[in-house]
Amino acid sequence: MSAVGVKELKNRLTHYLRRTKAGEEVIVTERGKPIALLQPIQSAANVRSLESRLAQLAAQGFLTAPQRQPLKRVRRVKVGGPPLSRVILEDRR
């Protein structure tokens, strides 16, 4: 486990992400005080948000994360005419 300051993490983010991906935990510090922990998602024990839990399941191979953003708004379509159930019943006669 290593510790890194915010400035160093920002400047060498890819390096520390590679180390985390390899299984190492990295403590992020701000002015010498620990503020965050970077750890591999597979070993995260206490996930709080739905997004974190889904990311953890995707990393473990239990599901595939979506590649696109969900639709923001779906328009409802109004269909005119008699109800479909009535049309089906009349067709059966």
N, C-alpha and C. Protein backbone atom coordinates (compact mmCIF):
# COMPACT_ATOMS: atom_id res chain seq x y z
N MET A 1 0.85 -1.16 0.00
CA MET A 1 0.00 0.00 0.00
C MET A 1 0.90 1.23 0.00
N SER A 2 0.55 2.18 -0.87
CA SER A 2 1.34 3.41 -0.93
C SER A 2 0.43 4.60 -0.75
N ALA A 3 1.03 5.73 -0.43
CA ALA A 3 0.30 6.98 -0.25
C ALA A 3 0.77 7.97 -1.30
N VAL A 4 -0.16 8.77 -1.78
CA VAL A 4 0.16 9.75 -2.80
C VAL A 4 -0.66 11.01 -2.54
N GLY A 5 -0.05 12.16 -2.78
CA GLY A 5 -0.75 13.43 -2.63
C GLY A 5 -1.66 13.68 -3.83
N VAL A 6 -2.60 14.60 -3.64
CA VAL A 6 -3.56 14.90 -4.69
C VAL A 6 -2.87 15.41 -5.95
N LYS A 7 -1.89 16.29 -5.78
CA LYS A 7 -1.18 16.86 -6.93
C LYS A 7 -0.44 15.77 -7.71
N GLU A 8 0.26 14.91 -7.00
CA GLU A 8 0.99 13.81 -7.64
C GLU A 8 0.02 12.85 -8.33
N LEU A 9 -1.10 12.56 -7.68
CA LEU A 9 -2.11 11.68 -8.28
C LEU A 9 -2.65 12.28 -9.57
N LYS A 10 -2.92 13.58 -9.55
CA LYS A 10 -3.43 14.25 -10.74
C LYS A 10 -2.41 14.19 -11.88
N ASN A 11 -1.15 14.41 -11.57
CA ASN A 11 -0.11 14.42 -12.59
C ASN A 11 0.20 13.03 -13.14
N ARG A 12 0.03 11.99 -12.35
CA ARG A 12 0.38 10.64 -12.77
C ARG A 12 -0.77 9.66 -12.56
N LEU A 13 -1.98 10.10 -12.90
CA LEU A 13 -3.17 9.29 -12.64
C LEU A 13 -3.11 7.93 -13.30
N THR A 14 -2.69 7.87 -14.56
CA THR A 14 -2.62 6.59 -15.27
C THR A 14 -1.71 5.60 -14.56
N HIS A 15 -0.59 6.09 -14.06
CA HIS A 15 0.37 5.23 -13.34
C HIS A 15 -0.30 4.61 -12.11
N TYR A 16 -1.00 5.43 -11.34
CA TYR A 16 -1.61 4.92 -10.12
C TYR A 16 -2.83 4.03 -10.42
N LEU A 17 -3.53 4.31 -11.50
CA LEU A 17 -4.63 3.43 -11.88
C LEU A 17 -4.11 2.06 -12.31
N ARG A 18 -2.97 2.03 -13.00
CA ARG A 18 -2.37 0.74 -13.36
C ARG A 18 -1.98 -0.05 -12.11
N ARG A 19 -1.40 0.65 -11.13
CA ARG A 19 -1.03 -0.03 -9.89
C ARG A 19 -2.26 -0.57 -9.17
N THR A 20 -3.33 0.22 -9.16
CA THR A 20 -4.57 -0.23 -8.52
C THR A 20 -5.15 -1.42 -9.26
N LYS A 21 -5.11 -1.37 -10.59
CA LYS A 21 -5.62 -2.48 -11.39
C LYS A 21 -4.84 -3.76 -11.12
N ALA A 22 -3.56 -3.61 -10.81
CA ALA A 22 -2.72 -4.77 -10.51
C ALA A 22 -2.96 -5.31 -9.11
N GLY A 23 -3.82 -4.65 -8.33
CA GLY A 23 -4.16 -5.17 -7.01
C GLY A 23 -3.67 -4.36 -5.84
N GLU A 24 -2.95 -3.29 -6.09
CA GLU A 24 -2.40 -2.48 -5.00
C GLU A 24 -3.42 -1.44 -4.56
N GLU A 25 -3.45 -1.16 -3.27
CA GLU A 25 -4.28 -0.10 -2.74
C GLU A 25 -3.44 1.16 -2.60
N VAL A 26 -4.03 2.30 -2.95
CA VAL A 26 -3.33 3.58 -2.91
C VAL A 26 -4.13 4.54 -2.03
N ILE A 27 -3.47 5.10 -1.03
CA ILE A 27 -4.09 6.09 -0.16
C ILE A 27 -3.84 7.47 -0.74
N VAL A 28 -4.90 8.25 -0.92
CA VAL A 28 -4.77 9.61 -1.44
C VAL A 28 -4.78 10.56 -0.25
N THR A 29 -3.78 11.44 -0.22
CA THR A 29 -3.66 12.37 0.90
C THR A 29 -3.79 13.81 0.41
N GLU A 30 -4.28 14.66 1.30
CA GLU A 30 -4.35 16.09 1.04
C GLU A 30 -3.68 16.79 2.22
N ARG A 31 -2.56 17.41 1.93
CA ARG A 31 -1.76 18.06 2.98
C ARG A 31 -1.38 17.08 4.08
N GLY A 32 -1.06 15.87 3.69
CA GLY A 32 -0.60 14.85 4.62
C GLY A 32 -1.69 14.06 5.31
N LYS A 33 -2.95 14.43 5.12
CA LYS A 33 -4.04 13.71 5.77
C LYS A 33 -4.73 12.81 4.74
N PRO A 34 -4.96 11.55 5.07
CA PRO A 34 -5.64 10.65 4.13
C PRO A 34 -7.09 11.09 3.90
N ILE A 35 -7.48 11.14 2.63
CA ILE A 35 -8.85 11.54 2.30
C ILE A 35 -9.59 10.49 1.46
N ALA A 36 -8.85 9.60 0.79
CA ALA A 36 -9.51 8.61 -0.06
C ALA A 36 -8.63 7.38 -0.18
N LEU A 37 -9.25 6.31 -0.61
CA LEU A 37 -8.55 5.05 -0.83
C LEU A 37 -8.89 4.54 -2.21
N LEU A 38 -7.89 4.37 -3.05
CA LEU A 38 -8.08 3.75 -4.36
C LEU A 38 -7.78 2.27 -4.19
N GLN A 39 -8.75 1.45 -4.56
CA GLN A 39 -8.55 0.01 -4.45
C GLN A 39 -9.20 -0.67 -5.63
N PRO A 40 -8.75 -1.87 -5.95
CA PRO A 40 -9.39 -2.59 -7.05
C PRO A 40 -10.87 -2.80 -6.75
N ILE A 41 -11.69 -2.65 -7.77
CA ILE A 41 -13.14 -2.72 -7.55
C ILE A 41 -13.57 -4.10 -7.08
N GLN A 42 -12.83 -5.14 -7.43
CA GLN A 42 -13.19 -6.49 -6.99
C GLN A 42 -13.07 -6.64 -5.48
N SER A 43 -12.16 -5.88 -4.86
CA SER A 43 -11.95 -6.04 -3.43
C SER A 43 -12.71 -5.01 -2.59
N ALA A 44 -13.49 -4.15 -3.23
CA ALA A 44 -14.26 -3.16 -2.48
C ALA A 44 -15.34 -3.87 -1.67
N ALA A 45 -15.28 -3.69 -0.36
CA ALA A 45 -16.20 -4.41 0.52
C ALA A 45 -17.46 -3.62 0.83
N ASN A 46 -17.33 -2.33 1.00
CA ASN A 46 -18.45 -1.52 1.45
C ASN A 46 -18.87 -0.55 0.35
N VAL A 47 -19.63 -1.05 -0.62
CA VAL A 47 -20.11 -0.18 -1.69
C VAL A 47 -21.47 0.37 -1.30
N ARG A 48 -21.67 1.66 -1.51
CA ARG A 48 -22.91 2.30 -1.06
C ARG A 48 -23.88 2.57 -2.19
N SER A 49 -23.39 3.07 -3.29
CA SER A 49 -24.30 3.49 -4.35
C SER A 49 -24.60 2.35 -5.32
N LEU A 50 -25.69 2.49 -6.02
CA LEU A 50 -26.08 1.50 -7.02
C LEU A 50 -25.02 1.42 -8.12
N GLU A 51 -24.50 2.57 -8.54
CA GLU A 51 -23.49 2.59 -9.59
C GLU A 51 -22.24 1.83 -9.17
N SER A 52 -21.83 1.99 -7.92
CA SER A 52 -20.66 1.27 -7.41
C SER A 52 -20.89 -0.23 -7.39
N ARG A 53 -22.07 -0.63 -6.97
CA ARG A 53 -22.39 -2.06 -6.91
C ARG A 53 -22.43 -2.66 -8.31
N LEU A 54 -23.04 -1.92 -9.27
CA LEU A 54 -23.09 -2.41 -10.64
C LEU A 54 -21.69 -2.50 -11.25
N ALA A 55 -20.84 -1.51 -10.96
CA ALA A 55 -19.47 -1.54 -11.47
C ALA A 55 -18.71 -2.72 -10.88
N GLN A 56 -18.95 -3.01 -9.61
CA GLN A 56 -18.28 -4.14 -8.97
C GLN A 56 -18.73 -5.46 -9.60
N LEU A 57 -20.02 -5.60 -9.85
CA LEU A 57 -20.54 -6.82 -10.49
C LEU A 57 -20.01 -6.96 -11.91
N ALA A 58 -19.88 -5.85 -12.63
CA ALA A 58 -19.33 -5.88 -13.99
C ALA A 58 -17.86 -6.31 -13.96
N ALA A 59 -17.11 -5.80 -12.98
CA ALA A 59 -15.70 -6.16 -12.86
C ALA A 59 -15.52 -7.63 -12.53
N GLN A 60 -16.47 -8.20 -11.81
CA GLN A 60 -16.40 -9.61 -11.44
C GLN A 60 -16.93 -10.51 -12.56
N GLY A 61 -17.51 -9.91 -13.60
CA GLY A 61 -17.99 -10.68 -14.74
C GLY A 61 -19.41 -11.19 -14.61
N PHE A 62 -20.17 -10.72 -13.62
CA PHE A 62 -21.53 -11.18 -13.44
C PHE A 62 -22.52 -10.48 -14.36
N LEU A 63 -22.16 -9.30 -14.85
CA LEU A 63 -23.03 -8.59 -15.79
C LEU A 63 -22.18 -7.76 -16.73
N THR A 64 -22.80 -7.31 -17.79
CA THR A 64 -22.13 -6.46 -18.76
C THR A 64 -22.69 -5.06 -18.63
N ALA A 65 -21.84 -4.09 -18.40
CA ALA A 65 -22.29 -2.71 -18.24
C ALA A 65 -22.75 -2.16 -19.59
N PRO A 66 -23.76 -1.31 -19.59
CA PRO A 66 -24.23 -0.73 -20.85
C PRO A 66 -23.17 0.16 -21.47
N GLN A 67 -23.14 0.21 -22.79
CA GLN A 67 -22.14 1.02 -23.49
C GLN A 67 -22.65 2.42 -23.80
N ARG A 68 -23.97 2.63 -23.79
CA ARG A 68 -24.54 3.93 -24.09
C ARG A 68 -25.31 4.46 -22.89
N GLN A 69 -25.54 5.76 -22.90
CA GLN A 69 -26.35 6.38 -21.86
C GLN A 69 -27.82 6.00 -22.08
N PRO A 70 -28.61 5.87 -21.02
CA PRO A 70 -30.03 5.56 -21.20
C PRO A 70 -30.75 6.73 -21.86
N LEU A 71 -31.90 6.43 -22.45
CA LEU A 71 -32.69 7.48 -23.07
C LEU A 71 -33.16 8.46 -22.01
N LYS A 72 -33.11 9.73 -22.33
CA LYS A 72 -33.51 10.73 -21.35
C LYS A 72 -35.03 10.85 -21.24
N ARG A 73 -35.71 10.79 -22.38
CA ARG A 73 -37.14 10.95 -22.35
C ARG A 73 -37.77 10.12 -23.47
N VAL A 74 -38.81 9.43 -23.14
CA VAL A 74 -39.49 8.61 -24.12
C VAL A 74 -40.88 9.21 -24.34
N ARG A 75 -41.23 9.45 -25.60
CA ARG A 75 -42.55 9.99 -25.91
C ARG A 75 -43.57 8.87 -25.94
N ARG A 76 -44.72 9.12 -25.37
CA ARG A 76 -45.81 8.16 -25.44
C ARG A 76 -46.54 8.37 -26.76
N VAL A 77 -46.98 7.29 -27.33
CA VAL A 77 -47.70 7.33 -28.59
C VAL A 77 -49.16 7.03 -28.30
N LYS A 78 -50.05 7.91 -28.74
CA LYS A 78 -51.48 7.67 -28.57
C LYS A 78 -52.00 6.94 -29.80
N VAL A 79 -52.71 5.86 -29.54
CA VAL A 79 -53.27 5.06 -30.61
C VAL A 79 -54.78 5.25 -30.60
N GLY A 80 -55.35 5.57 -31.74
CA GLY A 80 -56.78 5.77 -31.82
C GLY A 80 -57.51 4.49 -32.17
N GLY A 81 -58.82 4.53 -32.07
CA GLY A 81 -59.63 3.38 -32.44
C GLY A 81 -60.08 2.59 -31.23
N PRO A 82 -60.77 1.48 -31.50
CA PRO A 82 -61.28 0.66 -30.39
C PRO A 82 -60.13 -0.06 -29.68
N PRO A 83 -60.37 -0.46 -28.43
CA PRO A 83 -59.34 -1.20 -27.70
C PRO A 83 -58.96 -2.50 -28.42
N LEU A 84 -57.73 -2.88 -28.29
CA LEU A 84 -57.23 -4.08 -28.96
C LEU A 84 -57.95 -5.33 -28.48
N SER A 85 -58.31 -5.36 -27.21
CA SER A 85 -59.01 -6.54 -26.69
C SER A 85 -60.34 -6.73 -27.39
N ARG A 86 -61.06 -5.64 -27.68
CA ARG A 86 -62.34 -5.74 -28.38
C ARG A 86 -62.13 -6.25 -29.81
N VAL A 87 -61.10 -5.77 -30.48
CA VAL A 87 -60.81 -6.20 -31.84
C VAL A 87 -60.50 -7.70 -31.87
N ILE A 88 -59.75 -8.18 -30.91
CA ILE A 88 -59.40 -9.61 -30.83
C ILE A 88 -60.65 -10.44 -30.60
N LEU A 89 -61.53 -10.01 -29.68
CA LEU A 89 -62.76 -10.76 -29.40
C LEU A 89 -63.67 -10.80 -30.63
N GLU A 90 -63.78 -9.70 -31.35
CA GLU A 90 -64.61 -9.68 -32.57
C GLU A 90 -64.01 -10.58 -33.64
N ASP A 91 -62.72 -10.64 -33.71
CA ASP A 91 -62.05 -11.48 -34.70
C ASP A 91 -62.27 -12.96 -34.41
N ARG A 92 -62.40 -13.32 -33.16
CA ARG A 92 -62.59 -14.71 -32.77
C ARG A 92 -64.00 -15.21 -33.08
N ARG A 93 -64.94 -14.32 -33.26
CA ARG A 93 -66.33 -14.71 -33.51
C ARG A 93 -66.55 -15.13 -34.91
